[in-house]
PDB file of N, CA and C in Angstrom:
ATOM      1  N   MET A   1     109.326 126.291  87.653  1.00  0.00           N
ATOM      2  CA  MET A   1     108.666 126.698  88.874  1.00  0.00           C
ATOM      3  C   MET A   1     108.213 125.455  89.627  1.00  0.00           C
ATOM      4  N   ALA A   2     108.516 125.346  90.874  1.00  0.00           N
ATOM      5  CA  ALA A   2     108.120 124.205  91.691  1.00  0.00           C
ATOM      6  C   ALA A   2     106.603 124.208  91.872  1.00  0.00           C
ATOM      7  N   PRO A   3     105.971 123.017  92.053  1.00  0.00           N
ATOM      8  CA  PRO A   3     104.513 122.935  92.147  1.00  0.00           C
ATOM      9  C   PRO A   3     103.913 123.800  93.252  1.00  0.00           C
ATOM     10  N   HIS A   4     104.592 123.923  94.356  1.00  0.00           N
ATOM     11  CA  HIS A   4     104.000 124.647  95.473  1.00  0.00           C
ATOM     12  C   HIS A   4     104.657 126.007  95.703  1.00  0.00           C
ATOM     13  N   SER A   5     105.469 126.474  94.758  1.00  0.00           N
ATOM     14  CA  SER A   5     106.200 127.713  94.979  1.00  0.00           C
ATOM     15  C   SER A   5     105.274 128.917  95.108  1.00  0.00           C
ATOM     16  N   ALA A   6     104.187 128.955  94.330  1.00  0.00           N
ATOM     17  CA  ALA A   6     103.256 130.086  94.426  1.00  0.00           C
ATOM     18  C   ALA A   6     102.607 130.114  95.805  1.00  0.00           C
ATOM     19  N   ALA A   7     102.197 128.943  96.287  1.00  0.00           N
ATOM     20  CA  ALA A   7     101.580 128.880  97.610  1.00  0.00           C
ATOM     21  C   ALA A   7     102.592 129.237  98.694  1.00  0.00           C
ATOM     22  N   ASP A   8     103.833 128.768  98.527  1.00  0.00           N
ATOM     23  CA  ASP A   8     104.869 129.071  99.512  1.00  0.00           C
ATOM     24  C   ASP A   8     105.156 130.562  99.564  1.00  0.00           C
ATOM     25  N   SER A   9     105.258 131.191  98.402  1.00  0.00           N
ATOM     26  CA  SER A   9     105.571 132.619  98.385  1.00  0.00           C
ATOM     27  C   SER A   9     104.412 133.438  98.922  1.00  0.00           C
ATOM     28  N   SER A  10     103.173 133.010  98.646  1.00  0.00           N
ATOM     29  CA  SER A  10     102.039 133.755  99.190  1.00  0.00           C
ATOM     30  C   SER A  10     101.969 133.570 100.702  1.00  0.00           C
ATOM     31  N   GLY A  11     102.363 132.411 101.190  1.00  0.00           N
ATOM     32  CA  GLY A  11     102.406 132.176 102.637  1.00  0.00           C
ATOM     33  C   GLY A  11     103.451 133.045 103.305  1.00  0.00           C
ATOM     34  N   ARG A  12     104.604 133.177 102.661  1.00  0.00           N
ATOM     35  CA  ARG A  12     105.662 134.041 103.211  1.00  0.00           C
ATOM     36  C   ARG A  12     105.216 135.494 103.201  1.00  0.00           C
ATOM     37  N   ALA A  13     104.516 135.887 102.137  1.00  0.00           N
ATOM     38  CA  ALA A  13     104.030 137.262 102.056  1.00  0.00           C
ATOM     39  C   ALA A  13     103.027 137.540 103.167  1.00  0.00           C
ATOM     40  N   MET A  14     102.187 136.556 103.461  1.00  0.00           N
ATOM     41  CA  MET A  14     101.212 136.726 104.534  1.00  0.00           C
ATOM     42  C   MET A  14     101.910 136.886 105.881  1.00  0.00           C
ATOM     43  N   LEU A  15     102.980 136.126 106.078  1.00  0.00           N
ATOM     44  CA  LEU A  15     103.711 136.226 107.334  1.00  0.00           C
ATOM     45  C   LEU A  15     104.380 137.592 107.489  1.00  0.00           C
ATOM     46  N   ARG A  16     104.808 138.178 106.358  1.00  0.00           N
ATOM     47  CA  ARG A  16     105.436 139.497 106.408  1.00  0.00           C
ATOM     48  C   ARG A  16     104.403 140.612 106.538  1.00  0.00           C
ATOM     49  N   SER A  17     103.174 140.332 106.140  1.00  0.00           N
ATOM     50  CA  SER A  17     102.139 141.365 106.176  1.00  0.00           C
ATOM     51  C   SER A  17     101.606 141.526 107.596  1.00  0.00           C
ATOM     52  N   SER A  18     100.706 142.459 107.743  1.00  0.00           N
ATOM     53  CA  SER A  18     100.107 142.682 109.054  1.00  0.00           C
ATOM     54  C   SER A  18      98.848 141.855 109.242  1.00  0.00           C
ATOM     55  N   ALA A  19      98.533 140.995 108.269  1.00  0.00           N
ATOM     56  CA  ALA A  19      97.347 140.146 108.388  1.00  0.00           C
ATOM     57  C   ALA A  19      97.539 139.167 109.542  1.00  0.00           C
ATOM     58  N   PRO A  20      96.516 139.044 110.376  1.00  0.00           N
ATOM     59  CA  PRO A  20      96.651 138.123 111.505  1.00  0.00           C
ATOM     60  C   PRO A  20      96.653 136.665 111.044  1.00  0.00           C
ATOM     61  N   LEU A  21      97.394 135.849 111.721  1.00  0.00           N
ATOM     62  CA  LEU A  21      97.408 134.415 111.450  1.00  0.00           C
ATOM     63  C   LEU A  21      96.269 133.801 112.247  1.00  0.00           C
ATOM     64  N   ARG A  22      95.362 133.173 111.556  1.00  0.00           N
ATOM     65  CA  ARG A  22      94.186 132.597 112.219  1.00  0.00           C
ATOM     66  C   ARG A  22      94.422 131.122 112.543  1.00  0.00           C
ATOM     67  N   PHE A  23      93.712 130.623 113.542  1.00  0.00           N
ATOM     68  CA  PHE A  23      93.788 129.214 113.905  1.00  0.00           C
ATOM     69  C   PHE A  23      93.460 128.355 112.689  1.00  0.00           C
ATOM     70  N   HIS A  24      92.469 128.763 111.906  1.00  0.00           N
ATOM     71  CA  HIS A  24      92.078 127.983 110.732  1.00  0.00           C
ATOM     72  C   HIS A  24      93.234 127.843 109.745  1.00  0.00           C
ATOM     73  N   ASP A  25      94.060 128.874 109.620  1.00  0.00           N
ATOM     74  CA  ASP A  25      95.219 128.807 108.722  1.00  0.00           C
ATOM     75  C   ASP A  25      96.163 127.683 109.147  1.00  0.00           C
ATOM     76  N   LEU A  26      96.395 127.586 110.443  1.00  0.00           N
ATOM     77  CA  LEU A  26      97.270 126.522 110.964  1.00  0.00           C
ATOM     78  C   LEU A  26      96.637 125.150 110.762  1.00  0.00           C
ATOM     79  N   ARG A  27      95.333 125.067 110.984  1.00  0.00           N
ATOM     80  CA  ARG A  27      94.609 123.801 110.829  1.00  0.00           C
ATOM     81  C   ARG A  27      94.642 123.356 109.366  1.00  0.00           C
ATOM     82  N   HIS A  28      94.435 124.288 108.456  1.00  0.00           N
ATOM     83  CA  HIS A  28      94.458 123.953 107.028  1.00  0.00           C
ATOM     84  C   HIS A  28      95.854 123.499 106.606  1.00  0.00           C
ATOM     85  N   THR A  29      96.871 124.164 107.124  1.00  0.00           N
ATOM     86  CA  THR A  29      98.251 123.765 106.828  1.00  0.00           C
ATOM     87  C   THR A  29      98.515 122.353 107.326  1.00  0.00           C
ATOM     88  N   TYR A  30      98.058 122.044 108.522  1.00  0.00           N
ATOM     89  CA  TYR A  30      98.212 120.698 109.101  1.00  0.00           C
ATOM     90  C   TYR A  30      97.589 119.647 108.180  1.00  0.00           C
ATOM     91  N   GLY A  31      96.345 119.853 107.774  1.00  0.00           N
ATOM     92  CA  GLY A  31      95.674 118.897 106.897  1.00  0.00           C
ATOM     93  C   GLY A  31      96.359 118.777 105.552  1.00  0.00           C
ATOM     94  N   SER A  32      96.798 119.903 105.010  1.00  0.00           N
ATOM     95  CA  SER A  32      97.475 119.895 103.716  1.00  0.00           C
ATOM     96  C   SER A  32      98.804 119.159 103.779  1.00  0.00           C
ATOM     97  N   LEU A  33      99.557 119.364 104.861  1.00  0.00           N
ATOM     98  CA  LEU A  33     100.837 118.666 105.014  1.00  0.00           C
ATOM     99  C   LEU A  33     100.638 117.164 105.168  1.00  0.00           C
ATOM    100  N   LEU A  34      99.593 116.759 105.879  1.00  0.00           N
ATOM    101  CA  LEU A  34      99.302 115.324 106.001  1.00  0.00           C
ATOM    102  C   LEU A  34      98.992 114.729 104.632  1.00  0.00           C
ATOM    103  N   ALA A  35      98.153 115.413 103.857  1.00  0.00           N
ATOM    104  CA  ALA A  35      97.797 114.918 102.515  1.00  0.00           C
ATOM    105  C   ALA A  35      99.020 114.868 101.611  1.00  0.00           C
ATOM    106  N   ALA A  36      99.845 115.906 101.660  1.00  0.00           N
ATOM    107  CA  ALA A  36     101.046 115.948 100.822  1.00  0.00           C
ATOM    108  C   ALA A  36     102.025 114.844 101.195  1.00  0.00           C
ATOM    109  N   ALA A  37     102.006 114.423 102.455  1.00  0.00           N
ATOM    110  CA  ALA A  37     102.905 113.359 102.908  1.00  0.00           C
ATOM    111  C   ALA A  37     102.371 111.973 102.559  1.00  0.00           C
ATOM    112  N   GLY A  38     101.175 111.923 101.980  1.00  0.00           N
ATOM    113  CA  GLY A  38     100.630 110.632 101.557  1.00  0.00           C
ATOM    114  C   GLY A  38      99.739 109.955 102.573  1.00  0.00           C
ATOM    115  N   VAL A  39      99.372 110.649 103.641  1.00  0.00           N
ATOM    116  CA  VAL A  39      98.461 110.073 104.633  1.00  0.00           C
ATOM    117  C   VAL A  39      97.089 109.934 103.976  1.00  0.00           C
ATOM    118  N   ASP A  40      96.435 108.789 104.166  1.00  0.00           N
ATOM    119  CA  ASP A  40      95.147 108.564 103.518  1.00  0.00           C
ATOM    120  C   ASP A  40      94.064 109.462 104.118  1.00  0.00           C
ATOM    121  N   LEU A  41      93.018 109.717 103.318  1.00  0.00           N
ATOM    122  CA  LEU A  41      91.984 110.671 103.726  1.00  0.00           C
ATOM    123  C   LEU A  41      91.224 110.247 104.975  1.00  0.00           C
ATOM    124  N   VAL A  42      90.987 108.961 105.149  1.00  0.00           N
ATOM    125  CA  VAL A  42      90.249 108.512 106.328  1.00  0.00           C
ATOM    126  C   VAL A  42      91.052 108.803 107.594  1.00  0.00           C
ATOM    127  N   THR A  43      92.362 108.635 107.541  1.00  0.00           N
ATOM    128  CA  THR A  43      93.212 108.941 108.693  1.00  0.00           C
ATOM    129  C   THR A  43      93.225 110.445 108.959  1.00  0.00           C
ATOM    130  N   ILE A  44      93.305 111.245 107.892  1.00  0.00           N
ATOM    131  CA  ILE A  44      93.266 112.700 108.055  1.00  0.00           C
ATOM    132  C   ILE A  44      91.909 113.114 108.633  1.00  0.00           C
ATOM    133  N   GLN A  45      90.843 112.508 108.127  1.00  0.00           N
ATOM    134  CA  GLN A  45      89.494 112.801 108.625  1.00  0.00           C
ATOM    135  C   GLN A  45      89.418 112.571 110.132  1.00  0.00           C
ATOM    136  N   SER A  46      89.944 111.459 110.569  1.00  0.00           N
ATOM    137  CA  SER A  46      89.930 111.131 111.993  1.00  0.00           C
ATOM    138  C   SER A  46      90.776 112.110 112.797  1.00  0.00           C
ATOM    139  N   ALA A  47      91.971 112.415 112.306  1.00  0.00           N
ATOM    140  CA  ALA A  47      92.879 113.314 113.024  1.00  0.00           C
ATOM    141  C   ALA A  47      92.308 114.720 113.158  1.00  0.00           C
ATOM    142  N   MET A  48      91.552 115.140 112.144  1.00  0.00           N
ATOM    143  CA  MET A  48      91.030 116.504 112.161  1.00  0.00           C
ATOM    144  C   MET A  48      89.615 116.592 112.729  1.00  0.00           C
ATOM    145  N   GLY A  49      89.013 115.434 112.997  1.00  0.00           N
ATOM    146  CA  GLY A  49      87.673 115.433 113.602  1.00  0.00           C
ATOM    147  C   GLY A  49      86.556 115.778 112.638  1.00  0.00           C
ATOM    148  N   HIS A  50      86.756 115.529 111.342  1.00  0.00           N
ATOM    149  CA  HIS A  50      85.709 115.809 110.367  1.00  0.00           C
ATOM    150  C   HIS A  50      84.662 114.704 110.410  1.00  0.00           C
ATOM    151  N   SER A  51      83.398 115.067 110.353  1.00  0.00           N
ATOM    152  CA  SER A  51      82.347 114.049 110.334  1.00  0.00           C
ATOM    153  C   SER A  51      82.099 113.545 108.910  1.00  0.00           C
ATOM    154  N   ALA A  52      82.404 114.362 107.914  1.00  0.00           N
ATOM    155  CA  ALA A  52      82.179 113.971 106.518  1.00  0.00           C
ATOM    156  C   ALA A  52      83.510 113.897 105.773  1.00  0.00           C
ATOM    157  N   LEU A  53      83.677 112.831 105.022  1.00  0.00           N
ATOM    158  CA  LEU A  53      84.897 112.661 104.238  1.00  0.00           C
ATOM    159  C   LEU A  53      85.021 113.754 103.173  1.00  0.00           C
ATOM    160  N   ALA A  54      83.895 114.273 102.707  1.00  0.00           N
ATOM    161  CA  ALA A  54      83.926 115.348 101.711  1.00  0.00           C
ATOM    162  C   ALA A  54      84.646 116.584 102.256  1.00  0.00           C
ATOM    163  N   THR A  55      84.500 116.841 103.533  1.00  0.00           N
ATOM    164  CA  THR A  55      85.194 117.977 104.155  1.00  0.00           C
ATOM    165  C   THR A  55      86.693 117.756 104.084  1.00  0.00           C
ATOM    166  N   THR A  56      87.127 116.553 104.354  1.00  0.00           N
ATOM    167  CA  THR A  56      88.553 116.221 104.324  1.00  0.00           C
ATOM    168  C   THR A  56      89.097 116.283 102.903  1.00  0.00           C
ATOM    169  N   GLY A  57      88.252 116.024 101.916  1.00  0.00           N
ATOM    170  CA  GLY A  57      88.661 116.039 100.522  1.00  0.00           C
ATOM    171  C   GLY A  57      89.258 117.365 100.074  1.00  0.00           C
ATOM    172  N   ARG A  58      89.004 118.438 100.814  1.00  0.00           N
ATOM    173  CA  ARG A  58      89.581 119.749 100.478  1.00  0.00           C
ATOM    174  C   ARG A  58      91.101 119.721 100.469  1.00  0.00           C
ATOM    175  N   TYR A  59      91.665 118.813 101.219  1.00  0.00           N
ATOM    176  CA  TYR A  59      93.109 118.786 101.376  1.00  0.00           C
ATOM    177  C   TYR A  59      93.817 118.012 100.268  1.00  0.00           C
ATOM    178  N   LEU A  60      93.053 117.441  99.354  1.00  0.00           N
ATOM    179  CA  LEU A  60      93.660 116.705  98.244  1.00  0.00           C
ATOM    180  C   LEU A  60      94.467 117.607  97.325  1.00  0.00           C
ATOM    181  N   HIS A  61      94.209 118.899  97.338  1.00  0.00           N
ATOM    182  CA  HIS A  61      94.958 119.820  96.482  1.00  0.00           C
ATOM    183  C   HIS A  61      96.452 119.756  96.792  1.00  0.00           C
ATOM    184  N   ALA A  62      96.799 119.347  97.993  1.00  0.00           N
ATOM    185  CA  ALA A  62      98.199 119.309  98.403  1.00  0.00           C
ATOM    186  C   ALA A  62      98.919 118.057  97.907  1.00  0.00           C
ATOM    187  N   LYS A  63      98.163 117.081  97.478  1.00  0.00           N
ATOM    188  CA  LYS A  63      98.760 115.828  96.988  1.00  0.00           C
ATOM    189  C   LYS A  63      99.235 116.058  95.553  1.00  0.00           C
ATOM    190  N   PRO A  64     100.499 115.789  95.278  1.00  0.00           N
ATOM    191  CA  PRO A  64     101.010 116.004  93.917  1.00  0.00           C
ATOM    192  C   PRO A  64     100.225 115.188  92.884  1.00  0.00           C
ATOM    193  N   ALA A  65      99.913 115.811  91.763  1.00  0.00           N
ATOM    194  CA  ALA A  65      99.138 115.153  90.712  1.00  0.00           C
ATOM    195  C   ALA A  65      99.847 113.902  90.204  1.00  0.00           C
ATOM    196  N   THR A  66     101.165 113.917  90.175  1.00  0.00           N
ATOM    197  CA  THR A  66     101.893 112.745  89.689  1.00  0.00           C
ATOM    198  C   THR A  66     101.687 111.561  90.631  1.00  0.00           C
ATOM    199  N   GLU A  67     101.616 111.837  91.933  1.00  0.00           N
ATOM    200  CA  GLU A  67     101.389 110.756  92.901  1.00  0.00           C
ATOM    201  C   GLU A  67     100.000 110.159  92.719  1.00  0.00           C
ATOM    202  N   ILE A  68      99.003 110.997  92.515  1.00  0.00           N
ATOM    203  CA  ILE A  68      97.639 110.521  92.301  1.00  0.00           C
ATOM    204  C   ILE A  68      97.581 109.699  91.018  1.00  0.00           C
ATOM    205  N   ALA A  69      98.234 110.164  89.975  1.00  0.00           N
ATOM    206  CA  ALA A  69      98.259 109.438  88.702  1.00  0.00           C
ATOM    207  C   ALA A  69      98.911 108.073  88.869  1.00  0.00           C
ATOM    208  N   GLU A  70      99.986 108.001  89.648  1.00  0.00           N
ATOM    209  CA  GLU A  70     100.659 106.721  89.887  1.00  0.00           C
ATOM    210  C   GLU A  70      99.739 105.745  90.619  1.00  0.00           C
ATOM    211  N   VAL A  71      99.004 106.228  91.602  1.00  0.00           N
ATOM    212  CA  VAL A  71      98.071 105.370  92.357  1.00  0.00           C
ATOM    213  C   VAL A  71      96.998 104.837  91.416  1.00  0.00           C
ATOM    214  N   PHE A  72      96.437 105.702  90.573  1.00  0.00           N
ATOM    215  CA  PHE A  72      95.411 105.272  89.631  1.00  0.00           C
ATOM    216  C   PHE A  72      95.977 104.259  88.648  1.00  0.00           C
ATOM    217  N   THR A  73      97.172 104.502  88.164  1.00  0.00           N
ATOM    218  CA  THR A  73      97.802 103.587  87.217  1.00  0.00           C
ATOM    219  C   THR A  73      97.993 102.207  87.852  1.00  0.00           C
ATOM    220  N   ARG A  74      98.514 102.180  89.079  1.00  0.00           N
ATOM    221  CA  ARG A  74      98.709 100.898  89.772  1.00  0.00           C
ATOM    222  C   ARG A  74      97.381 100.177  89.997  1.00  0.00           C
ATOM    223  N   ALA A  75      96.333 100.925  90.292  1.00  0.00           N
ATOM    224  CA  ALA A  75      95.028 100.316  90.569  1.00  0.00           C
ATOM    225  C   ALA A  75      94.465  99.589  89.351  1.00  0.00           C
ATOM    226  N   PHE A  76      94.808 100.063  88.164  1.00  0.00           N
ATOM    227  CA  PHE A  76      94.240  99.482  86.955  1.00  0.00           C
ATOM    228  C   PHE A  76      95.222  98.657  86.140  1.00  0.00           C
ATOM    229  N   GLU A  77      96.394  98.380  86.703  1.00  0.00           N
ATOM    230  CA  GLU A  77      97.339  97.512  86.021  1.00  0.00           C
ATOM    231  C   GLU A  77      96.817  96.080  86.074  1.00  0.00           C
ATOM    232  N   PRO A  78      96.918  95.340  84.973  1.00  0.00           N
ATOM    233  CA  PRO A  78      96.414  93.962  84.957  1.00  0.00           C
ATOM    234  C   PRO A  78      97.009  93.098  86.071  1.00  0.00           C
ATOM    235  N   ALA A  79      98.269  93.266  86.367  1.00  0.00           N
ATOM    236  CA  ALA A  79      98.901  92.440  87.396  1.00  0.00           C
ATOM    237  C   ALA A  79      98.270  92.684  88.755  1.00  0.00           C
ATOM    238  N   SER A  80      97.952  93.927  89.083  1.00  0.00           N
ATOM    239  CA  SER A  80      97.383  94.207  90.393  1.00  0.00           C
ATOM    240  C   SER A  80      95.966  93.665  90.501  1.00  0.00           C
ATOM    241  N   VAL A  81      95.200  93.682  89.395  1.00  0.00           N
ATOM    242  CA  VAL A  81      93.852  93.130  89.403  1.00  0.00           C
ATOM    243  C   VAL A  81      93.916  91.620  89.576  1.00  0.00           C
ATOM    244  N   GLU A  82      94.821  90.954  88.849  1.00  0.00           N
ATOM    245  CA  GLU A  82      94.961  89.504  88.966  1.00  0.00           C
ATOM    246  C   GLU A  82      95.405  89.116  90.373  1.00  0.00           C
ATOM    247  N   THR A  83      96.304  89.864  90.959  1.00  0.00           N
ATOM    248  CA  THR A  83      96.764  89.577  92.321  1.00  0.00           C
ATOM    249  C   THR A  83      95.619  89.720  93.307  1.00  0.00           C
ATOM    250  N   GLU A  84      94.805  90.753  93.139  1.00  0.00           N
ATOM    251  CA  GLU A  84      93.665  90.985  94.029  1.00  0.00           C
ATOM    252  C   GLU A  84      92.649  89.846  93.921  1.00  0.00           C
ATOM    253  N   VAL A  85      92.361  89.399  92.695  1.00  0.00           N
ATOM    254  CA  VAL A  85      91.410  88.303  92.480  1.00  0.00           C
ATOM    255  C   VAL A  85      91.970  87.022  93.105  1.00  0.00           C
ATOM    256  N   ALA A  86      93.257  86.761  92.906  1.00  0.00           N
ATOM    257  CA  ALA A  86      93.870  85.552  93.460  1.00  0.00           C
ATOM    258  C   ALA A  86      93.843  85.596  95.000  1.00  0.00           C
ATOM    259  N   ALA A  87      94.020  86.739  95.573  1.00  0.00           N
ATOM    260  CA  ALA A  87      94.015  86.869  97.030  1.00  0.00           C
ATOM    261  C   ALA A  87      92.629  86.611  97.610  1.00  0.00           C
ATOM    262  N   GLN A  88      91.585  86.848  96.831  1.00  0.00           N
ATOM    263  CA  GLN A  88      90.212  86.664  97.312  1.00  0.00           C
ATOM    264  C   GLN A  88      89.725  85.228  97.171  1.00  0.00           C
ATOM    265  N   LYS A  89      90.396  84.416  96.352  1.00  0.00           N
ATOM    266  CA  LYS A  89      89.988  83.024  96.149  1.00  0.00           C
ATOM    267  C   LYS A  89      90.356  82.193  97.365  1.00  0.00           C
ATOM    268  N   PRO A  90      89.452  81.297  97.791  1.00  0.00           N
ATOM    269  CA  PRO A  90      89.787  80.420  98.926  1.00  0.00           C
ATOM    270  C   PRO A  90      90.871  79.418  98.509  1.00  0.00           C
ATOM    271  N   ALA A  91      91.727  79.089  99.429  1.00  0.00           N
ATOM    272  CA  ALA A  91      92.808  78.142  99.150  1.00  0.00           C
ATOM    273  C   ALA A  91      92.239  76.734  99.032  1.00  0.00           C
ATOM    274  N   ASN A  92      92.731  75.962  98.058  1.00  0.00           N
ATOM    275  CA  ASN A  92      92.304  74.558  97.891  1.00  0.00           C
ATOM    276  C   ASN A  92      92.968  73.715  98.954  1.00  0.00           C
ATOM    277  N   LYS A  93      92.167  72.863  99.575  1.00  0.00           N
ATOM    278  CA  LYS A  93      92.714  71.997 100.634  1.00  0.00           C
ATOM    279  C   LYS A  93      92.713  70.570 100.217  1.00  0.00           C
TER     280      LYS A  93
END
């Protein structure tokens, strides 16, 4: 089963039903698609006009867990930490 297949099928069911499509549904889809595409939360926050980053955090559910795990792994790899420290050191003249 694909990660988003349940959400996709429920969305299709809603479209077939007589339930009205609300503006909020479209707005939530927009934010979720941005998050799923890898757009950072601060950019999504700005695009959606949220005053609090916590509000924007709702859209993280759309980001694949494997992608989040990869970002965390890269952040704590020894090579990336050493590169970051070296980049912060002033150059010897």
